[in-house]
């Protein structure tokens, strides 16, 4: 029997192995699991730019160096005005992340810090204008020592219309290869992982309507993953959710890839017509996920 190919030992090795795959972004699990202190948040556009900068840096992301990307290259996939780009860079420059790390002795600790420590932007009047940036020491340390990662689709990242969908997608991508394809989250923990701002969507019904279900709808429509949830109740009160996920069958993954190539116009109508059986509700039946979960159980790590 042929042996399985040996997986890279570190996140940086994985990033190097995917350097020739233009649609692949390798992200450290510590970054995927990031939280925002004091109920902070990151806007959808800033989050997309964040993922693109991670891809541009590649395997050198942990190096104490200045990365360079041409404004023209950035705008090929991330269409934005000069003024908006300045605002998004400022947002990344001032956004603080909280990450759970492990030291050399296996002890867990929390590290906080900004995303970017240094940014330079040349005037757009120059045809060769660049953005030069350096990730903060906190980010570099988290990634340098990382040994687990997610591989996410650049096209999917750019296609999402909800920041909650983007966060959910990275969370599920990190977990997609696990044998156990279900996990419980308290309501507060889910809010933090999704990046729900402090004081927003306080009621369960609002969290469900404006964050969880739209996020699931987009993930199920645009990616190679399928996911759902069931509420966890304590008496009549909902205190958390059980997320369930799996990898789609080949034909369904192809359909998702084709959707990413189609115009954004009409996407919501197409999604509404194809995800009625996928988007979870309070009475979700898990039949739709059975095959996907079985595949993860056979092929997962």
C-alpha atoms as a PDB file:
ATOM      1  CA  UNK A   1       0.000   0.000   0.000  1.00  0.00           C
ATOM      2  CA  UNK A   2       1.361   3.406  -0.966  1.00  0.00           C
ATOM      3  CA  UNK A   3       2.262   5.601   1.950  1.00  0.00           C
ATOM      4  CA  UNK A   4       0.566   8.955   2.415  1.00  0.00           C
ATOM      5  CA  UNK A   5       2.795  11.903   1.520  1.00  0.00           C
ATOM      6  CA  UNK A   6       4.426  13.418   4.566  1.00  0.00           C
ATOM      7  CA  UNK A   7       2.808  16.702   5.581  1.00  0.00           C
ATOM      8  CA  UNK A   8       4.995  19.740   6.214  1.00  0.00           C
ATOM      9  CA  UNK A   9       6.015  20.027   9.856  1.00  0.00           C
ATOM     10  CA  UNK A  10       5.527  23.787  10.133  1.00  0.00           C
ATOM     11  CA  UNK A  11       3.148  26.389   8.797  1.00  0.00           C
ATOM     12  CA  UNK A  12       6.049  28.145   7.059  1.00  0.00           C
ATOM     13  CA  UNK A  13       6.939  24.893   5.268  1.00  0.00           C
ATOM     14  CA  UNK A  14       3.311  24.557   4.158  1.00  0.00           C
ATOM     15  CA  UNK A  15       3.352  28.137   2.861  1.00  0.00           C
ATOM     16  CA  UNK A  16       6.479  27.356   0.860  1.00  0.00           C
ATOM     17  CA  UNK A  17       4.910  24.207  -0.600  1.00  0.00           C
ATOM     18  CA  UNK A  18       1.897  26.197  -1.861  1.00  0.00           C
ATOM     19  CA  UNK A  19       3.855  29.140  -3.294  1.00  0.00           C
ATOM     20  CA  UNK A  20       3.023  28.125  -6.889  1.00  0.00           C
ATOM     21  CA  UNK A  21      -0.726  27.796  -6.234  1.00  0.00           C
ATOM     22  CA  UNK A  22      -2.243  31.235  -6.926  1.00  0.00           C
ATOM     23  CA  UNK A  23      -5.573  30.386  -5.276  1.00  0.00           C
ATOM     24  CA  UNK A  24      -4.079  28.980  -2.056  1.00  0.00           C
ATOM     25  CA  UNK A  25      -3.520  31.050   1.071  1.00  0.00           C
ATOM     26  CA  UNK A  26      -1.821  29.210   3.948  1.00  0.00           C
ATOM     27  CA  UNK A  27      -2.778  30.598   7.342  1.00  0.00           C
ATOM     28  CA  UNK A  28      -1.410  29.655  10.748  1.00  0.00           C
ATOM     29  CA  UNK A  29      -3.980  28.126  13.064  1.00  0.00           C
ATOM     30  CA  UNK A  30      -3.034  30.714  15.682  1.00  0.00           C
ATOM     31  CA  UNK A  31      -4.095  33.461  13.263  1.00  0.00           C
ATOM     32  CA  UNK A  32      -7.283  31.668  12.241  1.00  0.00           C
ATOM     33  CA  UNK A  33      -8.226  31.434  15.924  1.00  0.00           C
ATOM     34  CA  UNK A  34      -7.468  35.094  16.623  1.00  0.00           C
ATOM     35  CA  UNK A  35      -9.784  37.117  18.839  1.00  0.00           C
ATOM     36  CA  UNK A  36     -10.334  40.851  19.059  1.00  0.00           C
ATOM     37  CA  UNK A  37      -9.798  42.263  22.579  1.00  0.00           C
ATOM     38  CA  UNK A  38     -12.502  44.416  24.173  1.00  0.00           C
ATOM     39  CA  UNK A  39     -15.132  43.344  21.665  1.00  0.00           C
ATOM     40  CA  UNK A  40     -13.255  44.787  18.692  1.00  0.00           C
ATOM     41  CA  UNK A  41     -13.777  43.838  15.082  1.00  0.00           C
ATOM     42  CA  UNK A  42     -12.247  43.884  11.616  1.00  0.00           C
ATOM     43  CA  UNK A  43     -14.250  45.092   8.639  1.00  0.00           C
ATOM     44  CA  UNK A  44     -14.829  42.722   5.719  1.00  0.00           C
ATOM     45  CA  UNK A  45     -12.667  44.733   3.313  1.00  0.00           C
ATOM     46  CA  UNK A  46      -9.818  44.987   5.833  1.00  0.00           C
ATOM     47  CA  UNK A  47     -10.048  41.253   6.502  1.00  0.00           C
ATOM     48  CA  UNK A  48      -9.782  40.521   2.773  1.00  0.00           C
ATOM     49  CA  UNK A  49      -6.736  42.771   2.496  1.00  0.00           C
ATOM     50  CA  UNK A  50      -5.232  41.017   5.537  1.00  0.00           C
ATOM     51  CA  UNK A  51      -5.539  37.615   3.835  1.00  0.00           C
ATOM     52  CA  UNK A  52      -4.030  38.981   0.607  1.00  0.00           C
ATOM     53  CA  UNK A  53      -1.047  40.428   2.469  1.00  0.00           C
ATOM     54  CA  UNK A  54      -0.487  37.049   4.132  1.00  0.00           C
ATOM     55  CA  UNK A  55      -0.428  35.439   0.699  1.00  0.00           C
ATOM     56  CA  UNK A  56       1.917  38.071  -0.743  1.00  0.00           C
ATOM     57  CA  UNK A  57       4.377  37.538   2.134  1.00  0.00           C
ATOM     58  CA  UNK A  58       4.245  33.746   1.680  1.00  0.00           C
ATOM     59  CA  UNK A  59       6.867  31.664   3.476  1.00  0.00           C
ATOM     60  CA  UNK A  60       8.788  34.823   4.446  1.00  0.00           C
ATOM     61  CA  UNK A  61       5.918  36.140   6.555  1.00  0.00           C
ATOM     62  CA  UNK A  62       7.766  35.529   9.831  1.00  0.00           C
ATOM     63  CA  UNK A  63      10.944  37.258   8.674  1.00  0.00           C
ATOM     64  CA  UNK A  64      11.723  40.720  10.137  1.00  0.00           C
ATOM     65  CA  UNK A  65      11.580  42.319   6.716  1.00  0.00           C
ATOM     66  CA  UNK A  66       9.615  44.745   4.609  1.00  0.00           C
ATOM     67  CA  UNK A  67       7.336  43.073   2.068  1.00  0.00           C
ATOM     68  CA  UNK A  68       6.542  44.796  -1.206  1.00  0.00           C
ATOM     69  CA  UNK A  69       3.485  44.600  -3.422  1.00  0.00           C
ATOM     70  CA  UNK A  70       2.688  46.800  -6.409  1.00  0.00           C
ATOM     71  CA  UNK A  71      -0.512  48.827  -6.082  1.00  0.00           C
ATOM     72  CA  UNK A  72      -1.460  47.690  -9.575  1.00  0.00           C
ATOM     73  CA  UNK A  73      -1.100  44.039  -8.538  1.00  0.00           C
ATOM     74  CA  UNK A  74      -3.197  44.649  -5.446  1.00  0.00           C
ATOM     75  CA  UNK A  75      -5.937  46.318  -7.444  1.00  0.00           C
ATOM     76  CA  UNK A  76      -6.113  43.506  -9.997  1.00  0.00           C
ATOM     77  CA  UNK A  77      -7.931  41.352  -7.477  1.00  0.00           C
ATOM     78  CA  UNK A  78      -8.853  43.805  -4.753  1.00  0.00           C
ATOM     79  CA  UNK A  79     -10.463  46.734  -6.519  1.00  0.00           C
ATOM     80  CA  UNK A  80     -10.255  49.785  -4.314  1.00  0.00           C
ATOM     81  CA  UNK A  81      -9.618  53.507  -4.483  1.00  0.00           C
ATOM     82  CA  UNK A  82      -6.427  55.055  -3.123  1.00  0.00           C
ATOM     83  CA  UNK A  83      -8.374  56.682  -0.302  1.00  0.00           C
ATOM     84  CA  UNK A  84     -10.042  53.406   0.727  1.00  0.00           C
ATOM     85  CA  UNK A  85      -6.731  51.562   0.594  1.00  0.00           C
ATOM     86  CA  UNK A  86      -5.274  54.111   3.012  1.00  0.00           C
ATOM     87  CA  UNK A  87      -8.240  53.570   5.353  1.00  0.00           C
ATOM     88  CA  UNK A  88      -7.908  49.784   5.200  1.00  0.00           C
ATOM     89  CA  UNK A  89      -4.164  49.888   5.835  1.00  0.00           C
ATOM     90  CA  UNK A  90      -4.775  52.213   8.783  1.00  0.00           C
ATOM     91  CA  UNK A  91      -7.364  49.751  10.106  1.00  0.00           C
ATOM     92  CA  UNK A  92      -4.885  46.865   9.929  1.00  0.00           C
ATOM     93  CA  UNK A  93      -2.229  49.086  11.490  1.00  0.00           C
ATOM     94  CA  UNK A  94      -4.433  49.839  14.492  1.00  0.00           C
ATOM     95  CA  UNK A  95      -6.265  46.515  14.923  1.00  0.00           C
ATOM     96  CA  UNK A  96      -5.071  44.466  17.879  1.00  0.00           C
ATOM     97  CA  UNK A  97      -5.291  40.681  17.852  1.00  0.00           C
ATOM     98  CA  UNK A  98      -5.265  38.248  20.778  1.00  0.00           C
ATOM     99  CA  UNK A  99      -3.776  34.838  20.010  1.00  0.00           C
ATOM    100  CA  UNK A 100      -3.380  31.610  21.977  1.00  0.00           C
ATOM    101  CA  UNK A 101       0.183  30.303  21.655  1.00  0.00           C
ATOM    102  CA  UNK A 102       2.248  27.473  23.124  1.00  0.00           C
ATOM    103  CA  UNK A 103       5.814  27.857  24.381  1.00  0.00           C
ATOM    104  CA  UNK A 104       8.701  25.406  23.991  1.00  0.00           C
ATOM    105  CA  UNK A 105       7.670  23.613  27.207  1.00  0.00           C
ATOM    106  CA  UNK A 106       4.118  23.101  25.969  1.00  0.00           C
ATOM    107  CA  UNK A 107       2.586  25.771  28.189  1.00  0.00           C
ATOM    108  CA  UNK A 108      -0.256  27.825  26.747  1.00  0.00           C
ATOM    109  CA  UNK A 109      -0.189  31.606  26.904  1.00  0.00           C
ATOM    110  CA  UNK A 110      -1.957  34.577  25.337  1.00  0.00           C
ATOM    111  CA  UNK A 111      -0.145  37.087  23.129  1.00  0.00           C
ATOM    112  CA  UNK A 112      -1.593  40.374  21.910  1.00  0.00           C
ATOM    113  CA  UNK A 113      -0.344  42.797  19.310  1.00  0.00           C
ATOM    114  CA  UNK A 114      -1.193  44.733  16.150  1.00  0.00           C
ATOM    115  CA  UNK A 115      -1.276  43.171  12.696  1.00  0.00           C
ATOM    116  CA  UNK A 116       1.150  45.525  10.960  1.00  0.00           C
ATOM    117  CA  UNK A 117       4.037  47.376  12.571  1.00  0.00           C
ATOM    118  CA  UNK A 118       5.189  49.440   9.604  1.00  0.00           C
ATOM    119  CA  UNK A 119       3.539  50.516   6.335  1.00  0.00           C
ATOM    120  CA  UNK A 120       4.703  52.710   3.452  1.00  0.00           C
ATOM    121  CA  UNK A 121       2.601  53.630   0.420  1.00  0.00           C
ATOM    122  CA  UNK A 122       3.923  55.393  -2.664  1.00  0.00           C
ATOM    123  CA  UNK A 123       1.874  57.896  -4.638  1.00  0.00           C
ATOM    124  CA  UNK A 124      -0.334  56.317  -7.298  1.00  0.00           C
ATOM    125  CA  UNK A 125       0.928  58.781  -9.913  1.00  0.00           C
ATOM    126  CA  UNK A 126       3.977  56.536 -10.207  1.00  0.00           C
ATOM    127  CA  UNK A 127       3.221  53.547 -12.477  1.00  0.00           C
ATOM    128  CA  UNK A 128       5.508  51.406 -10.323  1.00  0.00           C
ATOM    129  CA  UNK A 129       3.948  52.535  -7.021  1.00  0.00           C
ATOM    130  CA  UNK A 130       4.193  50.036  -4.168  1.00  0.00           C
ATOM    131  CA  UNK A 131       2.820  49.283  -0.762  1.00  0.00           C
ATOM    132  CA  UNK A 132       5.588  48.192   1.610  1.00  0.00           C
ATOM    133  CA  UNK A 133       4.601  46.565   4.861  1.00  0.00           C
ATOM    134  CA  UNK A 134       5.984  44.610   7.801  1.00  0.00           C
ATOM    135  CA  UNK A 135       4.023  42.319  10.088  1.00  0.00           C
ATOM    136  CA  UNK A 136       4.249  43.044  13.796  1.00  0.00           C
ATOM    137  CA  UNK A 137       6.592  41.039  16.072  1.00  0.00           C
ATOM    138  CA  UNK A 138       3.525  39.419  17.700  1.00  0.00           C
ATOM    139  CA  UNK A 139       2.241  38.193  14.336  1.00  0.00           C
ATOM    140  CA  UNK A 140       5.673  36.991  13.233  1.00  0.00           C
ATOM    141  CA  UNK A 141       6.254  35.052  16.439  1.00  0.00           C
ATOM    142  CA  UNK A 142       2.859  33.357  16.249  1.00  0.00           C
ATOM    143  CA  UNK A 143       3.485  32.237  12.683  1.00  0.00           C
ATOM    144  CA  UNK A 144       7.165  31.326  13.121  1.00  0.00           C
ATOM    145  CA  UNK A 145       6.338  28.749  15.804  1.00  0.00           C
ATOM    146  CA  UNK A 146       3.105  27.463  14.243  1.00  0.00           C
ATOM    147  CA  UNK A 147       2.716  23.777  13.419  1.00  0.00           C
ATOM    148  CA  UNK A 148      -0.940  23.731  12.290  1.00  0.00           C
ATOM    149  CA  UNK A 149      -2.550  25.652   9.485  1.00  0.00           C
ATOM    150  CA  UNK A 150      -5.466  26.058   7.109  1.00  0.00           C
ATOM    151  CA  UNK A 151      -5.337  26.325   3.334  1.00  0.00           C
ATOM    152  CA  UNK A 152      -8.054  28.678   2.132  1.00  0.00           C
ATOM    153  CA  UNK A 153      -9.154  29.772  -1.321  1.00  0.00           C
ATOM    154  CA  UNK A 154      -8.179  33.276  -2.378  1.00  0.00           C
ATOM    155  CA  UNK A 155     -11.153  33.439  -4.744  1.00  0.00           C
ATOM    156  CA  UNK A 156     -13.546  32.475  -1.969  1.00  0.00           C
ATOM    157  CA  UNK A 157     -12.023  35.067   0.363  1.00  0.00           C
ATOM    158  CA  UNK A 158     -12.592  37.801  -2.208  1.00  0.00           C
ATOM    159  CA  UNK A 159     -16.133  36.618  -2.996  1.00  0.00           C
ATOM    160  CA  UNK A 160     -17.595  36.703   0.523  1.00  0.00           C
ATOM    161  CA  UNK A 161     -20.111  39.453   1.276  1.00  0.00           C
ATOM    162  CA  UNK A 162     -20.226  38.893   5.040  1.00  0.00           C
ATOM    163  CA  UNK A 163     -17.283  39.238   7.398  1.00  0.00           C
ATOM    164  CA  UNK A 164     -18.894  36.537   9.518  1.00  0.00           C
ATOM    165  CA  UNK A 165     -18.844  34.155   6.539  1.00  0.00           C
ATOM    166  CA  UNK A 166     -15.148  34.815   6.006  1.00  0.00           C
ATOM    167  CA  UNK A 167     -14.379  34.131   9.676  1.00  0.00           C
ATOM    168  CA  UNK A 168     -16.507  30.977   9.683  1.00  0.00           C
ATOM    169  CA  UNK A 169     -14.799  29.740   6.504  1.00  0.00           C
ATOM    170  CA  UNK A 170     -11.306  30.068   7.970  1.00  0.00           C
ATOM    171  CA  UNK A 171     -12.442  28.378  11.205  1.00  0.00           C
ATOM    172  CA  UNK A 172     -13.908  25.419   9.319  1.00  0.00           C
ATOM    173  CA  UNK A 173     -10.944  25.177   6.916  1.00  0.00           C
ATOM    174  CA  UNK A 174      -8.633  24.736   9.901  1.00  0.00           C
ATOM    175  CA  UNK A 175     -10.820  21.888  11.157  1.00  0.00           C
ATOM    176  CA  UNK A 176     -11.710  20.272   7.811  1.00  0.00           C
ATOM    177  CA  UNK A 177      -9.183  17.442   8.076  1.00  0.00           C
ATOM    178  CA  UNK A 178     -10.033  16.378  11.618  1.00  0.00           C
ATOM    179  CA  UNK A 179     -11.696  13.033  12.252  1.00  0.00           C
ATOM    180  CA  UNK A 180     -14.074  14.691  14.678  1.00  0.00           C
ATOM    181  CA  UNK A 181     -16.243  16.911  12.474  1.00  0.00           C
ATOM    182  CA  UNK A 182     -18.319  18.525  15.184  1.00  0.00           C
ATOM    183  CA  UNK A 183     -17.532  21.024  17.923  1.00  0.00           C
ATOM    184  CA  UNK A 184     -19.481  22.855  20.601  1.00  0.00           C
ATOM    185  CA  UNK A 185     -19.164  26.590  21.149  1.00  0.00           C
ATOM    186  CA  UNK A 186     -20.718  28.704  23.860  1.00  0.00           C
ATOM    187  CA  UNK A 187     -22.610  31.709  22.556  1.00  0.00           C
ATOM    188  CA  UNK A 188     -19.947  34.090  23.888  1.00  0.00           C
ATOM    189  CA  UNK A 189     -17.130  32.043  22.350  1.00  0.00           C
ATOM    190  CA  UNK A 190     -18.888  31.958  18.990  1.00  0.00           C
ATOM    191  CA  UNK A 191     -19.346  35.723  19.086  1.00  0.00           C
ATOM    192  CA  UNK A 192     -15.636  36.196  19.729  1.00  0.00           C
ATOM    193  CA  UNK A 193     -14.555  33.794  16.992  1.00  0.00           C
ATOM    194  CA  UNK A 194     -16.883  35.408  14.460  1.00  0.00           C
ATOM    195  CA  UNK A 195     -15.750  38.874  15.511  1.00  0.00           C
ATOM    196  CA  UNK A 196     -19.172  40.201  16.507  1.00  0.00           C
ATOM    197  CA  UNK A 197     -18.565  43.713  17.898  1.00  0.00           C
ATOM    198  CA  UNK A 198     -19.245  44.257  21.584  1.00  0.00           C
ATOM    199  CA  UNK A 199     -22.853  45.248  22.232  1.00  0.00           C
ATOM    200  CA  UNK A 200     -24.067  44.121  18.790  1.00  0.00           C
ATOM    201  CA  UNK A 201     -26.514  41.280  18.034  1.00  0.00           C
ATOM    202  CA  UNK A 202     -27.173  40.757  21.725  1.00  0.00           C
ATOM    203  CA  UNK A 203     -30.250  38.584  21.288  1.00  0.00           C
ATOM    204  CA  UNK A 204     -29.874  35.002  20.073  1.00  0.00           C
ATOM    205  CA  UNK A 205     -32.417  35.618  17.325  1.00  0.00           C
ATOM    206  CA  UNK A 206     -30.368  38.550  16.010  1.00  0.00           C
ATOM    207  CA  UNK A 207     -27.109  36.573  16.176  1.00  0.00           C
ATOM    208  CA  UNK A 208     -28.763  33.722  14.303  1.00  0.00           C
ATOM    209  CA  UNK A 209     -30.461  35.924  11.687  1.00  0.00           C
ATOM    210  CA  UNK A 210     -27.674  38.397  10.940  1.00  0.00           C
ATOM    211  CA  UNK A 211     -24.492  36.394  11.569  1.00  0.00           C
ATOM    212  CA  UNK A 212     -24.763  32.603  11.814  1.00  0.00           C
ATOM    213  CA  UNK A 213     -27.226  31.743   9.063  1.00  0.00           C
ATOM    214  CA  UNK A 214     -25.938  34.222   6.434  1.00  0.00           C
ATOM    215  CA  UNK A 215     -22.405  32.979   7.138  1.00  0.00           C
ATOM    216  CA  UNK A 216     -23.437  29.350   6.698  1.00  0.00           C
ATOM    217  CA  UNK A 217     -25.312  30.163   3.501  1.00  0.00           C
ATOM    218  CA  UNK A 218     -22.241  31.745   1.908  1.00  0.00           C
ATOM    219  CA  UNK A 219     -19.815  29.050   3.088  1.00  0.00           C
ATOM    220  CA  UNK A 220     -22.113  26.311   1.771  1.00  0.00           C
ATOM    221  CA  UNK A 221     -22.520  28.095  -1.554  1.00  0.00           C
ATOM    222  CA  UNK A 222     -19.008  29.303  -2.330  1.00  0.00           C
ATOM    223  CA  UNK A 223     -16.594  26.784  -0.818  1.00  0.00           C
ATOM    224  CA  UNK A 224     -15.726  23.097  -0.835  1.00  0.00           C
ATOM    225  CA  UNK A 225     -17.141  22.720   2.662  1.00  0.00           C
ATOM    226  CA  UNK A 226     -20.647  22.056   3.947  1.00  0.00           C
ATOM    227  CA  UNK A 227     -21.705  23.021   7.460  1.00  0.00           C
ATOM    228  CA  UNK A 228     -24.665  23.336   9.766  1.00  0.00           C
ATOM    229  CA  UNK A 229     -25.478  23.739  13.429  1.00  0.00           C
ATOM    230  CA  UNK A 230     -27.886  22.845  16.194  1.00  0.00           C
ATOM    231  CA  UNK A 231     -28.565  25.130  19.162  1.00  0.00           C
ATOM    232  CA  UNK A 232     -27.547  24.039  22.656  1.00  0.00           C
ATOM    233  CA  UNK A 233     -30.347  24.774  25.099  1.00  0.00           C
ATOM    234  CA  UNK A 234     -30.433  25.151  28.857  1.00  0.00           C
ATOM    235  CA  UNK A 235     -34.110  25.054  29.628  1.00  0.00           C
ATOM    236  CA  UNK A 236     -35.644  27.514  27.193  1.00  0.00           C
ATOM    237  CA  UNK A 237     -32.464  29.533  26.830  1.00  0.00           C
ATOM    238  CA  UNK A 238     -30.010  28.950  23.974  1.00  0.00           C
ATOM    239  CA  UNK A 239     -26.479  29.029  25.393  1.00  0.00           C
ATOM    240  CA  UNK A 240     -24.408  27.863  22.440  1.00  0.00           C
ATOM    241  CA  UNK A 241     -24.276  25.835  19.251  1.00  0.00           C
ATOM    242  CA  UNK A 242     -22.916  22.554  17.972  1.00  0.00           C
ATOM    243  CA  UNK A 243     -21.245  23.139  14.613  1.00  0.00           C
ATOM    244  CA  UNK A 244     -21.131  20.223  12.180  1.00  0.00           C
ATOM    245  CA  UNK A 245     -19.087  20.263   8.983  1.00  0.00           C
ATOM    246  CA  UNK A 246     -17.723  18.145   6.205  1.00  0.00           C
ATOM    247  CA  UNK A 247     -16.046  18.208   2.792  1.00  0.00           C
ATOM    248  CA  UNK A 248     -18.393  18.303  -0.184  1.00  0.00           C
ATOM    249  CA  UNK A 249     -18.545  15.562  -2.784  1.00  0.00           C
ATOM    250  CA  UNK A 250     -16.461  16.177  -5.900  1.00  0.00           C
ATOM    251  CA  UNK A 251     -19.325  17.427  -8.072  1.00  0.00           C
ATOM    252  CA  UNK A 252     -20.447  19.851  -5.368  1.00  0.00           C
ATOM    253  CA  UNK A 253     -16.913  21.204  -4.999  1.00  0.00           C
ATOM    254  CA  UNK A 254     -16.773  21.756  -8.759  1.00  0.00           C
ATOM    255  CA  UNK A 255     -20.115  23.590  -8.605  1.00  0.00           C
ATOM    256  CA  UNK A 256     -18.751  25.875  -5.879  1.00  0.00           C
ATOM    257  CA  UNK A 257     -15.645  26.624  -7.962  1.00  0.00           C
ATOM    258  CA  UNK A 258     -17.809  27.472 -10.968  1.00  0.00           C
ATOM    259  CA  UNK A 259     -19.909  29.811  -8.838  1.00  0.00           C
ATOM    260  CA  UNK A 260     -16.755  31.724  -7.898  1.00  0.00           C
ATOM    261  CA  UNK A 261     -16.147  32.297 -11.615  1.00  0.00           C
ATOM    262  CA  UNK A 262     -19.653  33.630 -12.240  1.00  0.00           C
ATOM    263  CA  UNK A 263     -20.610  37.311 -11.897  1.00  0.00           C
ATOM    264  CA  UNK A 264     -21.539  38.501  -8.441  1.00  0.00           C
ATOM    265  CA  UNK A 265     -24.819  39.825  -9.864  1.00  0.00           C
ATOM    266  CA  UNK A 266     -27.537  37.265  -9.189  1.00  0.00           C
ATOM    267  CA  UNK A 267     -25.453  35.288  -6.703  1.00  0.00           C
ATOM    268  CA  UNK A 268     -27.863  35.764  -3.814  1.00  0.00           C
ATOM    269  CA  UNK A 269     -30.753  34.482  -5.930  1.00  0.00           C
ATOM    270  CA  UNK A 270     -28.718  31.477  -7.006  1.00  0.00           C
ATOM    271  CA  UNK A 271     -27.736  30.841  -3.397  1.00  0.00           C
ATOM    272  CA  UNK A 272     -31.297  31.121  -2.148  1.00  0.00           C
ATOM    273  CA  UNK A 273     -32.349  28.619  -4.761  1.00  0.00           C
ATOM    274  CA  UNK A 274     -29.684  26.058  -3.917  1.00  0.00           C
ATOM    275  CA  UNK A 275     -29.041  26.201  -0.174  1.00  0.00           C
ATOM    276  CA  UNK A 276     -32.459  25.603   1.362  1.00  0.00           C
ATOM    277  CA  UNK A 277     -31.354  22.108   2.301  1.00  0.00           C
ATOM    278  CA  UNK A 278     -27.916  23.163   3.495  1.00  0.00           C
ATOM    279  CA  UNK A 279     -28.436  26.194   5.680  1.00  0.00           C
ATOM    280  CA  UNK A 280     -29.100  25.028   9.191  1.00  0.00           C
ATOM    281  CA  UNK A 281     -32.106  26.030  11.286  1.00  0.00           C
ATOM    282  CA  UNK A 282     -33.218  25.270  14.822  1.00  0.00           C
ATOM    283  CA  UNK A 283     -34.718  22.002  13.560  1.00  0.00           C
ATOM    284  CA  UNK A 284     -31.789  21.047  11.333  1.00  0.00           C
ATOM    285  CA  UNK A 285     -31.747  17.452  10.120  1.00  0.00           C
ATOM    286  CA  UNK A 286     -28.208  16.113   9.762  1.00  0.00           C
ATOM    287  CA  UNK A 287     -29.024  13.823   6.870  1.00  0.00           C
ATOM    288  CA  UNK A 288     -27.552  16.285   4.335  1.00  0.00           C
ATOM    289  CA  UNK A 289     -24.205  16.150   6.131  1.00  0.00           C
ATOM    290  CA  UNK A 290     -23.952  12.395   6.654  1.00  0.00           C
ATOM    291  CA  UNK A 291     -21.906  11.628   3.536  1.00  0.00           C
ATOM    292  CA  UNK A 292     -19.578  14.568   4.051  1.00  0.00           C
ATOM    293  CA  UNK A 293     -18.972  13.637   7.671  1.00  0.00           C
ATOM    294  CA  UNK A 294     -18.294  10.031   6.711  1.00  0.00           C
ATOM    295  CA  UNK A 295     -15.682  11.170   4.203  1.00  0.00           C
ATOM    296  CA  UNK A 296     -13.947  13.308   6.789  1.00  0.00           C
ATOM    297  CA  UNK A 297     -13.927  10.330   9.156  1.00  0.00           C
ATOM    298  CA  UNK A 298     -12.263   8.132   6.556  1.00  0.00           C
ATOM    299  CA  UNK A 299      -9.768  10.616   5.199  1.00  0.00           C
ATOM    300  CA  UNK A 300      -9.117  13.024   8.056  1.00  0.00           C
ATOM    301  CA  UNK A 301      -5.985  13.142  10.167  1.00  0.00           C
END
